[in-house]
Amino acid sequence: MCSAEPVNCYPLLVNIVSNSLLRLLNCTERIRIWSELFSRTQSPESKGYIFFNCLSYLLILAAGLPPLFAVSSMEDYKVKS
C-alpha cells in the first residue's frame, strides 16, 4: 500500500488510521486524502512562463561555465602541472 517514499507514505497512513477510527465510531463518512508534490498548471500562459524562466536560467548558466574552465586551465599552465 505504501511506497518507499515518506512523502507519499505519511498521508496514506493518516488516511488509514482516520478511516479506521471512523469505522469504530460507526460513522458512514469516509476521509479521502491525496498528495501532489507539484501543483498542476493547466493554463498555457503559466507553462510558457515556467519554460522561459528555466530556459533563461540555463542560458545564463551555460554562458558562465566556459570562463570557469578557461581560468582553471590557465592556472594549470602557469603552475606547469
PDB file of N, CA and C in Angstrom:
ATOM      1  N   MET A   1       0.808  -1.205   0.000  1.00  0.00           N
ATOM      2  CA  MET A   1       0.000   0.000   0.000  1.00  0.00           C
ATOM      3  C   MET A   1       0.844   1.258   0.000  1.00  0.00           C
ATOM      4  N   CYS A   2       1.986   1.204   0.619  1.00  0.00           N
ATOM      5  CA  CYS A   2       2.783   2.409   0.800  1.00  0.00           C
ATOM      6  C   CYS A   2       4.112   2.247   0.078  1.00  0.00           C
ATOM      7  N   SER A   3       4.474   3.236  -0.705  1.00  0.00           N
ATOM      8  CA  SER A   3       5.750   3.164  -1.401  1.00  0.00           C
ATOM      9  C   SER A   3       6.885   3.506  -0.441  1.00  0.00           C
ATOM     10  N   ALA A   4       8.094   3.429  -0.937  1.00  0.00           N
ATOM     11  CA  ALA A   4       9.261   3.676  -0.087  1.00  0.00           C
ATOM     12  C   ALA A   4       9.468   5.150   0.208  1.00  0.00           C
ATOM     13  N   GLU A   5       8.787   6.026  -0.487  1.00  0.00           N
ATOM     14  CA  GLU A   5       8.963   7.459  -0.281  1.00  0.00           C
ATOM     15  C   GLU A   5       8.112   7.927   0.899  1.00  0.00           C
ATOM     16  N   PRO A   6       8.721   8.561   1.902  1.00  0.00           N
ATOM     17  CA  PRO A   6       7.946   9.001   3.062  1.00  0.00           C
ATOM     18  C   PRO A   6       6.963  10.124   2.747  1.00  0.00           C
ATOM     19  N   VAL A   7       7.199  10.856   1.661  1.00  0.00           N
ATOM     20  CA  VAL A   7       6.281  11.941   1.310  1.00  0.00           C
ATOM     21  C   VAL A   7       4.917  11.366   0.943  1.00  0.00           C
ATOM     22  N   ASN A   8       4.902  10.246   0.259  1.00  0.00           N
ATOM     23  CA  ASN A   8       3.641   9.632  -0.137  1.00  0.00           C
ATOM     24  C   ASN A   8       3.103   8.699   0.938  1.00  0.00           C
ATOM     25  N   CYS A   9       3.955   8.189   1.779  1.00  0.00           N
ATOM     26  CA  CYS A   9       3.538   7.195   2.763  1.00  0.00           C
ATOM     27  C   CYS A   9       2.755   7.817   3.928  1.00  0.00           C
ATOM     28  N   TYR A  10       3.198   8.959   4.400  1.00  0.00           N
ATOM     29  CA  TYR A  10       2.566   9.556   5.578  1.00  0.00           C
ATOM     30  C   TYR A  10       1.087   9.889   5.363  1.00  0.00           C
ATOM     31  N   PRO A  11       0.705  10.555   4.270  1.00  0.00           N
ATOM     32  CA  PRO A  11      -0.732  10.814   4.086  1.00  0.00           C
ATOM     33  C   PRO A  11      -1.562   9.537   3.974  1.00  0.00           C
ATOM     34  N   LEU A  12      -1.001   8.505   3.391  1.00  0.00           N
ATOM     35  CA  LEU A  12      -1.721   7.246   3.272  1.00  0.00           C
ATOM     36  C   LEU A  12      -1.947   6.611   4.639  1.00  0.00           C
ATOM     37  N   LEU A  13      -0.937   6.628   5.488  1.00  0.00           N
ATOM     38  CA  LEU A  13      -1.096   6.063   6.833  1.00  0.00           C
ATOM     39  C   LEU A  13      -2.083   6.869   7.669  1.00  0.00           C
ATOM     40  N   VAL A  14      -2.067   8.188   7.530  1.00  0.00           N
ATOM     41  CA  VAL A  14      -3.030   9.026   8.246  1.00  0.00           C
ATOM     42  C   VAL A  14      -4.447   8.716   7.776  1.00  0.00           C
ATOM     43  N   ASN A  15      -4.606   8.498   6.494  1.00  0.00           N
ATOM     44  CA  ASN A  15      -5.916   8.159   5.952  1.00  0.00           C
ATOM     45  C   ASN A  15      -6.410   6.824   6.500  1.00  0.00           C
ATOM     46  N   ILE A  16      -5.547   5.832   6.556  1.00  0.00           N
ATOM     47  CA  ILE A  16      -5.940   4.516   7.072  1.00  0.00           C
ATOM     48  C   ILE A  16      -6.343   4.610   8.540  1.00  0.00           C
ATOM     49  N   VAL A  17      -5.550   5.326   9.324  1.00  0.00           N
ATOM     50  CA  VAL A  17      -5.853   5.453  10.759  1.00  0.00           C
ATOM     51  C   VAL A  17      -7.153   6.225  10.969  1.00  0.00           C
ATOM     52  N   SER A  18      -7.331   7.325  10.255  1.00  0.00           N
ATOM     53  CA  SER A  18      -8.538   8.122  10.467  1.00  0.00           C
ATOM     54  C   SER A  18      -9.790   7.382  10.010  1.00  0.00           C
ATOM     55  N   ASN A  19      -9.719   6.656   8.915  1.00  0.00           N
ATOM     56  CA  ASN A  19     -10.885   5.896   8.473  1.00  0.00           C
ATOM     57  C   ASN A  19     -11.192   4.728   9.399  1.00  0.00           C
ATOM     58  N   SER A  20     -10.155   4.096   9.975  1.00  0.00           N
ATOM     59  CA  SER A  20     -10.460   3.023  10.924  1.00  0.00           C
ATOM     60  C   SER A  20     -11.071   3.565  12.206  1.00  0.00           C
ATOM     61  N   LEU A  21     -10.658   4.769  12.626  1.00  0.00           N
ATOM     62  CA  LEU A  21     -11.294   5.369  13.798  1.00  0.00           C
ATOM     63  C   LEU A  21     -12.749   5.734  13.503  1.00  0.00           C
ATOM     64  N   LEU A  22     -13.012   6.179  12.305  1.00  0.00           N
ATOM     65  CA  LEU A  22     -14.401   6.480  11.942  1.00  0.00           C
ATOM     66  C   LEU A  22     -15.253   5.219  11.908  1.00  0.00           C
ATOM     67  N   ARG A  23     -14.692   4.109  11.448  1.00  0.00           N
ATOM     68  CA  ARG A  23     -15.445   2.840  11.452  1.00  0.00           C
ATOM     69  C   ARG A  23     -15.736   2.371  12.862  1.00  0.00           C
ATOM     70  N   LEU A  24     -14.785   2.596  13.771  1.00  0.00           N
ATOM     71  CA  LEU A  24     -15.013   2.201  15.161  1.00  0.00           C
ATOM     72  C   LEU A  24     -16.154   3.000  15.786  1.00  0.00           C
ATOM     73  N   LEU A  25     -16.343   4.222  15.332  1.00  0.00           N
ATOM     74  CA  LEU A  25     -17.412   5.069  15.854  1.00  0.00           C
ATOM     75  C   LEU A  25     -18.719   4.897  15.085  1.00  0.00           C
ATOM     76  N   ASN A  26     -18.784   3.895  14.213  1.00  0.00           N
ATOM     77  CA  ASN A  26     -19.966   3.584  13.408  1.00  0.00           C
ATOM     78  C   ASN A  26     -20.409   4.762  12.547  1.00  0.00           C
ATOM     79  N   CYS A  27     -19.466   5.433  11.983  1.00  0.00           N
ATOM     80  CA  CYS A  27     -19.763   6.564  11.116  1.00  0.00           C
ATOM     81  C   CYS A  27     -19.747   6.087   9.664  1.00  0.00           C
ATOM     82  N   THR A  28     -20.641   6.620   8.859  1.00  0.00           N
ATOM     83  CA  THR A  28     -20.704   6.209   7.454  1.00  0.00           C
ATOM     84  C   THR A  28     -19.835   7.092   6.560  1.00  0.00           C
ATOM     85  N   GLU A  29     -19.327   8.170   7.091  1.00  0.00           N
ATOM     86  CA  GLU A  29     -18.482   9.071   6.307  1.00  0.00           C
ATOM     87  C   GLU A  29     -17.073   8.504   6.181  1.00  0.00           C
ATOM     88  N   ARG A  30     -16.398   8.896   5.135  1.00  0.00           N
ATOM     89  CA  ARG A  30     -15.015   8.483   4.916  1.00  0.00           C
ATOM     90  C   ARG A  30     -14.183   9.716   4.601  1.00  0.00           C
ATOM     91  N   ILE A  31     -12.922   9.657   4.944  1.00  0.00           N
ATOM     92  CA  ILE A  31     -11.993  10.746   4.661  1.00  0.00           C
ATOM     93  C   ILE A  31     -11.109  10.332   3.497  1.00  0.00           C
ATOM     94  N   ARG A  32     -11.008  11.200   2.518  1.00  0.00           N
ATOM     95  CA  ARG A  32     -10.122  10.954   1.375  1.00  0.00           C
ATOM     96  C   ARG A  32      -9.025  12.003   1.390  1.00  0.00           C
ATOM     97  N   ILE A  33      -7.802  11.551   1.225  1.00  0.00           N
ATOM     98  CA  ILE A  33      -6.682  12.481   1.138  1.00  0.00           C
ATOM     99  C   ILE A  33      -5.850  12.136  -0.080  1.00  0.00           C
ATOM    100  N   TRP A  34      -5.095  13.115  -0.552  1.00  0.00           N
ATOM    101  CA  TRP A  34      -4.172  12.885  -1.660  1.00  0.00           C
ATOM    102  C   TRP A  34      -3.029  13.860  -1.506  1.00  0.00           C
ATOM    103  N   SER A  35      -1.938  13.479  -2.081  1.00  0.00           N
ATOM    104  CA  SER A  35      -0.770  14.365  -2.033  1.00  0.00           C
ATOM    105  C   SER A  35      -0.194  14.502  -3.431  1.00  0.00           C
ATOM    106  N   GLU A  36       0.097  15.721  -3.789  1.00  0.00           N
ATOM    107  CA  GLU A  36       0.765  16.006  -5.053  1.00  0.00           C
ATOM    108  C   GLU A  36       2.004  16.816  -4.732  1.00  0.00           C
ATOM    109  N   LEU A  37       3.138  16.363  -5.219  1.00  0.00           N
ATOM    110  CA  LEU A  37       4.369  17.078  -4.937  1.00  0.00           C
ATOM    111  C   LEU A  37       4.441  18.394  -5.685  1.00  0.00           C
ATOM    112  N   PHE A  38       3.924  18.431  -6.881  1.00  0.00           N
ATOM    113  CA  PHE A  38       3.958  19.644  -7.684  1.00  0.00           C
ATOM    114  C   PHE A  38       2.535  20.004  -8.080  1.00  0.00           C
ATOM    115  N   SER A  39       2.240  21.282  -7.989  1.00  0.00           N
ATOM    116  CA  SER A  39       0.905  21.696  -8.399  1.00  0.00           C
ATOM    117  C   SER A  39       0.795  21.596  -9.916  1.00  0.00           C
ATOM    118  N   ARG A  40      -0.336  21.195 -10.376  1.00  0.00           N
ATOM    119  CA  ARG A  40      -0.531  21.033 -11.812  1.00  0.00           C
ATOM    120  C   ARG A  40      -1.013  22.348 -12.403  1.00  0.00           C
ATOM    121  N   THR A  41      -0.294  22.796 -13.406  1.00  0.00           N
ATOM    122  CA  THR A  41      -0.686  24.039 -14.071  1.00  0.00           C
ATOM    123  C   THR A  41      -1.434  23.686 -15.345  1.00  0.00           C
ATOM    124  N   GLN A  42      -2.581  24.282 -15.515  1.00  0.00           N
ATOM    125  CA  GLN A  42      -3.409  23.985 -16.670  1.00  0.00           C
ATOM    126  C   GLN A  42      -3.357  25.079 -17.725  1.00  0.00           C
ATOM    127  N   SER A  43      -2.993  26.289 -17.334  1.00  0.00           N
ATOM    128  CA  SER A  43      -3.034  27.383 -18.298  1.00  0.00           C
ATOM    129  C   SER A  43      -1.747  27.409 -19.129  1.00  0.00           C
ATOM    130  N   PRO A  44      -1.871  27.652 -20.428  1.00  0.00           N
ATOM    131  CA  PRO A  44      -0.682  27.701 -21.282  1.00  0.00           C
ATOM    132  C   PRO A  44       0.233  28.883 -20.949  1.00  0.00           C
ATOM    133  N   GLU A  45      -0.337  29.968 -20.407  1.00  0.00           N
ATOM    134  CA  GLU A  45       0.493  31.119 -20.050  1.00  0.00           C
ATOM    135  C   GLU A  45       1.477  30.764 -18.952  1.00  0.00           C
ATOM    136  N   SER A  46       1.008  30.042 -17.938  1.00  0.00           N
ATOM    137  CA  SER A  46       1.909  29.690 -16.840  1.00  0.00           C
ATOM    138  C   SER A  46       2.944  28.659 -17.289  1.00  0.00           C
ATOM    139  N   LYS A  47       2.564  27.757 -18.189  1.00  0.00           N
ATOM    140  CA  LYS A  47       3.545  26.801 -18.708  1.00  0.00           C
ATOM    141  C   LYS A  47       4.617  27.513 -19.506  1.00  0.00           C
ATOM    142  N   GLY A  48       4.222  28.508 -20.311  1.00  0.00           N
ATOM    143  CA  GLY A  48       5.189  29.279 -21.078  1.00  0.00           C
ATOM    144  C   GLY A  48       6.100  30.091 -20.178  1.00  0.00           C
ATOM    145  N   TYR A  49       5.537  30.650 -19.123  1.00  0.00           N
ATOM    146  CA  TYR A  49       6.322  31.437 -18.168  1.00  0.00           C
ATOM    147  C   TYR A  49       7.373  30.558 -17.499  1.00  0.00           C
ATOM    148  N   ILE A  50       6.987  29.375 -17.066  1.00  0.00           N
ATOM    149  CA  ILE A  50       7.924  28.447 -16.425  1.00  0.00           C
ATOM    150  C   ILE A  50       8.998  28.016 -17.421  1.00  0.00           C
ATOM    151  N   PHE A  51       8.602  27.729 -18.650  1.00  0.00           N
ATOM    152  CA  PHE A  51       9.557  27.292 -19.670  1.00  0.00           C
ATOM    153  C   PHE A  51      10.597  28.381 -19.944  1.00  0.00           C
ATOM    154  N   PHE A  52      10.157  29.622 -20.128  1.00  0.00           N
ATOM    155  CA  PHE A  52      11.101  30.697 -20.446  1.00  0.00           C
ATOM    156  C   PHE A  52      11.980  31.053 -19.257  1.00  0.00           C
ATOM    157  N   ASN A  53      11.476  30.915 -18.048  1.00  0.00           N
ATOM    158  CA  ASN A  53      12.322  31.133 -16.872  1.00  0.00           C
ATOM    159  C   ASN A  53      13.419  30.083 -16.788  1.00  0.00           C
ATOM    160  N   CYS A  54      13.062  28.834 -17.004  1.00  0.00           N
ATOM    161  CA  CYS A  54      14.065  27.761 -16.973  1.00  0.00           C
ATOM    162  C   CYS A  54      15.060  27.914 -18.109  1.00  0.00           C
ATOM    163  N   LEU A  55      14.581  28.284 -19.276  1.00  0.00           N
ATOM    164  CA  LEU A  55      15.467  28.464 -20.426  1.00  0.00           C
ATOM    165  C   LEU A  55      16.446  29.609 -20.190  1.00  0.00           C
ATOM    166  N   SER A  56      15.968  30.718 -19.656  1.00  0.00           N
ATOM    167  CA  SER A  56      16.876  31.846 -19.399  1.00  0.00           C
ATOM    168  C   SER A  56      17.891  31.496 -18.321  1.00  0.00           C
ATOM    169  N   TYR A  57      17.475  30.758 -17.316  1.00  0.00           N
ATOM    170  CA  TYR A  57      18.412  30.335 -16.272  1.00  0.00           C
ATOM    171  C   TYR A  57      19.500  29.435 -16.853  1.00  0.00           C
ATOM    172  N   LEU A  58      19.111  28.493 -17.700  1.00  0.00           N
ATOM    173  CA  LEU A  58      20.092  27.594 -18.306  1.00  0.00           C
ATOM    174  C   LEU A  58      21.028  28.337 -19.247  1.00  0.00           C
ATOM    175  N   LEU A  59      20.533  29.333 -19.966  1.00  0.00           N
ATOM    176  CA  LEU A  59      21.402  30.108 -20.854  1.00  0.00           C
ATOM    177  C   LEU A  59      22.417  30.927 -20.070  1.00  0.00           C
ATOM    178  N   ILE A  60      21.994  31.509 -18.967  1.00  0.00           N
ATOM    179  CA  ILE A  60      22.926  32.261 -18.123  1.00  0.00           C
ATOM    180  C   ILE A  60      23.961  31.320 -17.522  1.00  0.00           C
ATOM    181  N   LEU A  61      23.522  30.160 -17.098  1.00  0.00           N
ATOM    182  CA  LEU A  61      24.445  29.173 -16.542  1.00  0.00           C
ATOM    183  C   LEU A  61      25.432  28.698 -17.597  1.00  0.00           C
ATOM    184  N   ALA A  62      24.965  28.448 -18.801  1.00  0.00           N
ATOM    185  CA  ALA A  62      25.841  27.986 -19.878  1.00  0.00           C
ATOM    186  C   ALA A  62      26.823  29.073 -20.290  1.00  0.00           C
ATOM    187  N   ALA A  63      26.435  30.331 -20.185  1.00  0.00           N
ATOM    188  CA  ALA A  63      27.340  31.419 -20.532  1.00  0.00           C
ATOM    189  C   ALA A  63      28.437  31.594 -19.480  1.00  0.00           C
ATOM    190  N   GLY A  64      28.187  31.188 -18.259  1.00  0.00           N
ATOM    191  CA  GLY A  64      29.168  31.370 -17.196  1.00  0.00           C
ATOM    192  C   GLY A  64      30.128  30.215 -17.026  1.00  0.00           C
ATOM    193  N   LEU A  65      29.839  29.065 -17.577  1.00  0.00           N
ATOM    194  CA  LEU A  65      30.709  27.908 -17.380  1.00  0.00           C
ATOM    195  C   LEU A  65      32.001  27.926 -18.191  1.00  0.00           C
ATOM    196  N   PRO A  66      32.026  28.297 -19.461  1.00  0.00           N
ATOM    197  CA  PRO A  66      33.284  28.258 -20.216  1.00  0.00           C
ATOM    198  C   PRO A  66      34.407  29.113 -19.621  1.00  0.00           C
ATOM    199  N   PRO A  67      34.157  30.333 -19.117  1.00  0.00           N
ATOM    200  CA  PRO A  67      35.258  31.066 -18.482  1.00  0.00           C
ATOM    201  C   PRO A  67      35.825  30.350 -17.263  1.00  0.00           C
ATOM    202  N   LEU A  68      35.001  29.622 -16.562  1.00  0.00           N
ATOM    203  CA  LEU A  68      35.478  28.869 -15.402  1.00  0.00           C
ATOM    204  C   LEU A  68      36.496  27.819 -15.831  1.00  0.00           C
ATOM    205  N   PHE A  69      36.217  27.110 -16.920  1.00  0.00           N
ATOM    206  CA  PHE A  69      37.160  26.111 -17.415  1.00  0.00           C
ATOM    207  C   PHE A  69      38.418  26.765 -17.954  1.00  0.00           C
ATOM    208  N   ALA A  70      38.286  27.930 -18.587  1.00  0.00           N
ATOM    209  CA  ALA A  70      39.448  28.624 -19.138  1.00  0.00           C
ATOM    210  C   ALA A  70      40.377  29.093 -18.025  1.00  0.00           C
ATOM    211  N   VAL A  71      39.816  29.621 -16.945  1.00  0.00           N
ATOM    212  CA  VAL A  71      40.637  30.083 -15.829  1.00  0.00           C
ATOM    213  C   VAL A  71      41.356  28.896 -15.196  1.00  0.00           C
ATOM    214  N   SER A  72      40.674  27.788 -15.076  1.00  0.00           N
ATOM    215  CA  SER A  72      41.281  26.605 -14.486  1.00  0.00           C
ATOM    216  C   SER A  72      42.455  26.122 -15.321  1.00  0.00           C
ATOM    217  N   SER A  73      42.302  26.074 -16.627  1.00  0.00           N
ATOM    218  CA  SER A  73      43.394  25.600 -17.466  1.00  0.00           C
ATOM    219  C   SER A  73      44.539  26.608 -17.514  1.00  0.00           C
ATOM    220  N   MET A  74      44.258  27.901 -17.405  1.00  0.00           N
ATOM    221  CA  MET A  74      45.326  28.909 -17.369  1.00  0.00           C
ATOM    222  C   MET A  74      46.139  28.789 -16.085  1.00  0.00           C
ATOM    223  N   GLU A  75      45.466  28.500 -14.962  1.00  0.00           N
ATOM    224  CA  GLU A  75      46.194  28.298 -13.720  1.00  0.00           C
ATOM    225  C   GLU A  75      47.072  27.065 -13.801  1.00  0.00           C
ATOM    226  N   ASP A  76      46.591  26.024 -14.453  1.00  0.00           N
ATOM    227  CA  ASP A  76      47.400  24.825 -14.647  1.00  0.00           C
ATOM    228  C   ASP A  76      48.606  25.130 -15.531  1.00  0.00           C
ATOM    229  N   TYR A  77      48.438  25.973 -16.516  1.00  0.00           N
ATOM    230  CA  TYR A  77      49.516  26.346 -17.419  1.00  0.00           C
ATOM    231  C   TYR A  77      50.590  27.159 -16.665  1.00  0.00           C
ATOM    232  N   LYS A  78      50.142  28.071 -15.785  1.00  0.00           N
ATOM    233  CA  LYS A  78      51.089  28.894 -15.013  1.00  0.00           C
ATOM    234  C   LYS A  78      51.895  28.045 -14.037  1.00  0.00           C
ATOM    235  N   VAL A  79      51.251  27.066 -13.431  1.00  0.00           N
ATOM    236  CA  VAL A  79      51.932  26.208 -12.458  1.00  0.00           C
ATOM    237  C   VAL A  79      52.759  25.146 -13.172  1.00  0.00           C
ATOM    238  N   LYS A  80      52.498  24.951 -14.449  1.00  0.00           N
ATOM    239  CA  LYS A  80      53.144  23.934 -15.286  1.00  0.00           C
ATOM    240  C   LYS A  80      52.870  22.531 -14.756  1.00  0.00           C
ATOM    241  N   SER A  81      51.587  22.288 -14.480  1.00  0.00           N
ATOM    242  CA  SER A  81      51.221  20.963 -13.993  1.00  0.00           C
ATOM    243  C   SER A  81      50.875  20.035 -15.126  1.00  0.00           C
TER     244      SER A  81
END
